[in-house]
Amino acid sequence: MTEIDDQEILKQKLADLKTEHRDLDLAIDALINSGNYSSLQLQRMKKRKLTLKDQIFKTESALLPDIIA
């Protein structure tokens, strides 16, 4: 694989992660607004959302070029 291929794969992964994060955010809001949920269910969804946020950060960092100061 070339560096360009790797960059494209990372960009697609980043887009997928952001989409999942946004969808999960909407699902959490809908769940809270419904008023019919367990705290365990909500806690698991929020934990997944934080995990996605960490993965987004790591992927974004991998996309940044290494700059030698």
N, C-alpha and C. Protein backbone atom coordinates (compact mmCIF):
# COMPACT_ATOMS: atom_id res chain seq x y z
N MET A 1 0.83 -1.19 0.00
CA MET A 1 0.00 0.00 0.00
C MET A 1 0.87 1.25 0.00
N THR A 2 0.37 2.24 -0.66
CA THR A 2 1.11 3.49 -0.68
C THR A 2 0.61 4.40 0.43
N GLU A 3 1.36 5.45 0.64
CA GLU A 3 0.98 6.41 1.68
C GLU A 3 -0.36 7.06 1.35
N ILE A 4 -0.61 7.30 0.07
CA ILE A 4 -1.88 7.91 -0.35
C ILE A 4 -3.04 6.98 -0.04
N ASP A 5 -2.86 5.67 -0.29
CA ASP A 5 -3.91 4.70 0.03
C ASP A 5 -4.20 4.70 1.53
N ASP A 6 -3.13 4.72 2.32
CA ASP A 6 -3.28 4.74 3.78
C ASP A 6 -4.05 5.98 4.22
N GLN A 7 -3.73 7.13 3.64
CA GLN A 7 -4.42 8.38 3.98
C GLN A 7 -5.90 8.29 3.63
N GLU A 8 -6.21 7.72 2.48
CA GLU A 8 -7.61 7.59 2.07
C GLU A 8 -8.37 6.66 2.99
N ILE A 9 -7.73 5.58 3.41
CA ILE A 9 -8.37 4.65 4.34
C ILE A 9 -8.65 5.34 5.66
N LEU A 10 -7.67 6.11 6.15
CA LEU A 10 -7.86 6.85 7.40
C LEU A 10 -8.96 7.90 7.27
N LYS A 11 -9.02 8.57 6.13
CA LYS A 11 -10.07 9.58 5.92
C LYS A 11 -11.45 8.94 5.93
N GLN A 12 -11.57 7.76 5.32
CA GLN A 12 -12.86 7.06 5.29
C GLN A 12 -13.22 6.57 6.69
N LYS A 13 -12.22 6.07 7.42
CA LYS A 13 -12.46 5.62 8.79
C LYS A 13 -12.92 6.80 9.65
N LEU A 14 -12.28 7.95 9.48
CA LEU A 14 -12.65 9.14 10.23
C LEU A 14 -14.08 9.56 9.93
N ALA A 15 -14.44 9.54 8.67
CA ALA A 15 -15.81 9.90 8.28
C ALA A 15 -16.82 8.93 8.90
N ASP A 16 -16.49 7.64 8.89
CA ASP A 16 -17.38 6.63 9.48
C ASP A 16 -17.52 6.83 10.99
N LEU A 17 -16.41 7.11 11.65
CA LEU A 17 -16.45 7.33 13.09
C LEU A 17 -17.29 8.56 13.44
N LYS A 18 -17.10 9.64 12.68
CA LYS A 18 -17.87 10.86 12.94
C LYS A 18 -19.35 10.64 12.71
N THR A 19 -19.68 9.87 11.69
CA THR A 19 -21.09 9.57 11.41
C THR A 19 -21.69 8.76 12.56
N GLU A 20 -20.97 7.74 13.00
CA GLU A 20 -21.46 6.92 14.11
C GLU A 20 -21.61 7.75 15.38
N HIS A 21 -20.65 8.64 15.64
CA HIS A 21 -20.70 9.51 16.82
C HIS A 21 -21.92 10.42 16.77
N ARG A 22 -22.16 11.03 15.61
CA ARG A 22 -23.31 11.92 15.44
C ARG A 22 -24.63 11.14 15.59
N ASP A 23 -24.70 9.95 14.98
CA ASP A 23 -25.91 9.13 15.09
C ASP A 23 -26.17 8.71 16.53
N LEU A 24 -25.11 8.36 17.24
CA LEU A 24 -25.26 7.96 18.63
C LEU A 24 -25.71 9.14 19.48
N ASP A 25 -25.21 10.32 19.18
CA ASP A 25 -25.63 11.53 19.89
C ASP A 25 -27.13 11.77 19.71
N LEU A 26 -27.59 11.60 18.48
CA LEU A 26 -29.02 11.76 18.20
C LEU A 26 -29.84 10.69 18.91
N ALA A 27 -29.33 9.46 18.94
CA ALA A 27 -30.03 8.37 19.61
C ALA A 27 -30.13 8.61 21.11
N ILE A 28 -29.05 9.13 21.70
CA ILE A 28 -29.06 9.44 23.12
C ILE A 28 -30.09 10.52 23.42
N ASP A 29 -30.10 11.56 22.60
CA ASP A 29 -31.09 12.64 22.79
C ASP A 29 -32.52 12.11 22.67
N ALA A 30 -32.76 11.27 21.68
CA ALA A 30 -34.10 10.71 21.48
C ALA A 30 -34.49 9.83 22.66
N LEU A 31 -33.55 9.06 23.16
CA LEU A 31 -33.81 8.18 24.30
C LEU A 31 -34.17 9.00 25.54
N ILE A 32 -33.39 10.05 25.78
CA ILE A 32 -33.66 10.91 26.95
C ILE A 32 -35.02 11.58 26.81
N ASN A 33 -35.32 12.06 25.62
CA ASN A 33 -36.60 12.74 25.40
C ASN A 33 -37.79 11.80 25.51
N SER A 34 -37.57 10.52 25.24
CA SER A 34 -38.67 9.56 25.34
C SER A 34 -39.03 9.30 26.80
N GLY A 35 -38.04 9.45 27.68
CA GLY A 35 -38.28 9.24 29.09
C GLY A 35 -38.39 7.77 29.48
N ASN A 36 -38.25 6.89 28.50
CA ASN A 36 -38.41 5.45 28.74
C ASN A 36 -37.08 4.75 28.48
N TYR A 37 -36.18 4.81 29.47
CA TYR A 37 -34.87 4.19 29.32
C TYR A 37 -34.32 3.81 30.68
N SER A 38 -33.37 2.90 30.66
CA SER A 38 -32.69 2.54 31.91
C SER A 38 -31.39 3.33 31.99
N SER A 39 -30.96 3.59 33.19
CA SER A 39 -29.72 4.35 33.36
C SER A 39 -28.53 3.55 32.82
N LEU A 40 -28.60 2.21 32.91
CA LEU A 40 -27.53 1.37 32.39
C LEU A 40 -27.43 1.51 30.87
N GLN A 41 -28.57 1.52 30.22
CA GLN A 41 -28.60 1.68 28.76
C GLN A 41 -27.99 3.02 28.35
N LEU A 42 -28.38 4.06 29.04
CA LEU A 42 -27.86 5.40 28.75
C LEU A 42 -26.36 5.47 29.02
N GLN A 43 -25.93 4.88 30.12
CA GLN A 43 -24.52 4.87 30.47
C GLN A 43 -23.68 4.16 29.40
N ARG A 44 -24.18 3.05 28.90
CA ARG A 44 -23.45 2.31 27.86
C ARG A 44 -23.34 3.11 26.57
N MET A 45 -24.41 3.79 26.22
CA MET A 45 -24.40 4.60 25.01
C MET A 45 -23.41 5.76 25.15
N LYS A 46 -23.39 6.39 26.30
CA LYS A 46 -22.46 7.50 26.53
C LYS A 46 -21.01 7.02 26.54
N LYS A 47 -20.78 5.84 27.09
CA LYS A 47 -19.43 5.28 27.10
C LYS A 47 -18.98 4.99 25.67
N ARG A 48 -19.87 4.44 24.86
CA ARG A 48 -19.55 4.17 23.45
C ARG A 48 -19.23 5.48 22.73
N LYS A 49 -19.99 6.52 23.04
CA LYS A 49 -19.76 7.82 22.42
C LYS A 49 -18.38 8.37 22.78
N LEU A 50 -17.96 8.21 24.03
CA LEU A 50 -16.63 8.65 24.44
C LEU A 50 -15.53 7.84 23.76
N THR A 51 -15.77 6.54 23.60
CA THR A 51 -14.81 5.69 22.90
C THR A 51 -14.66 6.16 21.46
N LEU A 52 -15.77 6.48 20.83
CA LEU A 52 -15.72 6.98 19.46
C LEU A 52 -14.96 8.30 19.38
N LYS A 53 -15.18 9.16 20.36
CA LYS A 53 -14.48 10.45 20.39
C LYS A 53 -12.97 10.24 20.46
N ASP A 54 -12.54 9.28 21.29
CA ASP A 54 -11.12 8.96 21.40
C ASP A 54 -10.58 8.43 20.07
N GLN A 55 -11.35 7.56 19.41
CA GLN A 55 -10.93 7.00 18.13
C GLN A 55 -10.85 8.09 17.06
N ILE A 56 -11.77 9.03 17.10
CA ILE A 56 -11.75 10.16 16.16
C ILE A 56 -10.48 10.97 16.37
N PHE A 57 -10.15 11.26 17.63
CA PHE A 57 -8.94 12.03 17.94
C PHE A 57 -7.69 11.30 17.43
N LYS A 58 -7.59 10.01 17.68
CA LYS A 58 -6.43 9.23 17.25
C LYS A 58 -6.32 9.19 15.73
N THR A 59 -7.45 9.05 15.06
CA THR A 59 -7.44 9.00 13.60
C THR A 59 -7.05 10.35 13.02
N GLU A 60 -7.57 11.43 13.60
CA GLU A 60 -7.20 12.76 13.14
C GLU A 60 -5.71 13.00 13.35
N SER A 61 -5.19 12.53 14.47
CA SER A 61 -3.75 12.68 14.74
C SER A 61 -2.92 11.91 13.75
N ALA A 62 -3.38 10.74 13.34
CA ALA A 62 -2.66 9.92 12.37
C ALA A 62 -2.64 10.57 10.99
N LEU A 63 -3.64 11.39 10.72
CA LEU A 63 -3.73 12.07 9.43
C LEU A 63 -2.81 13.30 9.34
N LEU A 64 -2.44 13.84 10.50
CA LEU A 64 -1.58 15.02 10.52
C LEU A 64 -0.15 14.61 10.15
N PRO A 65 0.49 15.39 9.31
CA PRO A 65 1.86 15.05 8.95
C PRO A 65 2.79 15.27 10.14
N ASP A 66 3.82 14.44 10.21
CA ASP A 66 4.84 14.60 11.25
C ASP A 66 5.68 15.83 10.90
N ILE A 67 5.74 16.76 11.82
CA ILE A 67 6.52 17.98 11.59
C ILE A 67 7.72 17.94 12.53
N ILE A 68 8.88 18.01 11.95
CA ILE A 68 10.09 18.02 12.75
C ILE A 68 10.44 19.47 13.07
N ALA A 69 10.46 19.77 14.35
CA ALA A 69 10.73 21.15 14.77
C ALA A 69 12.21 21.41 14.91
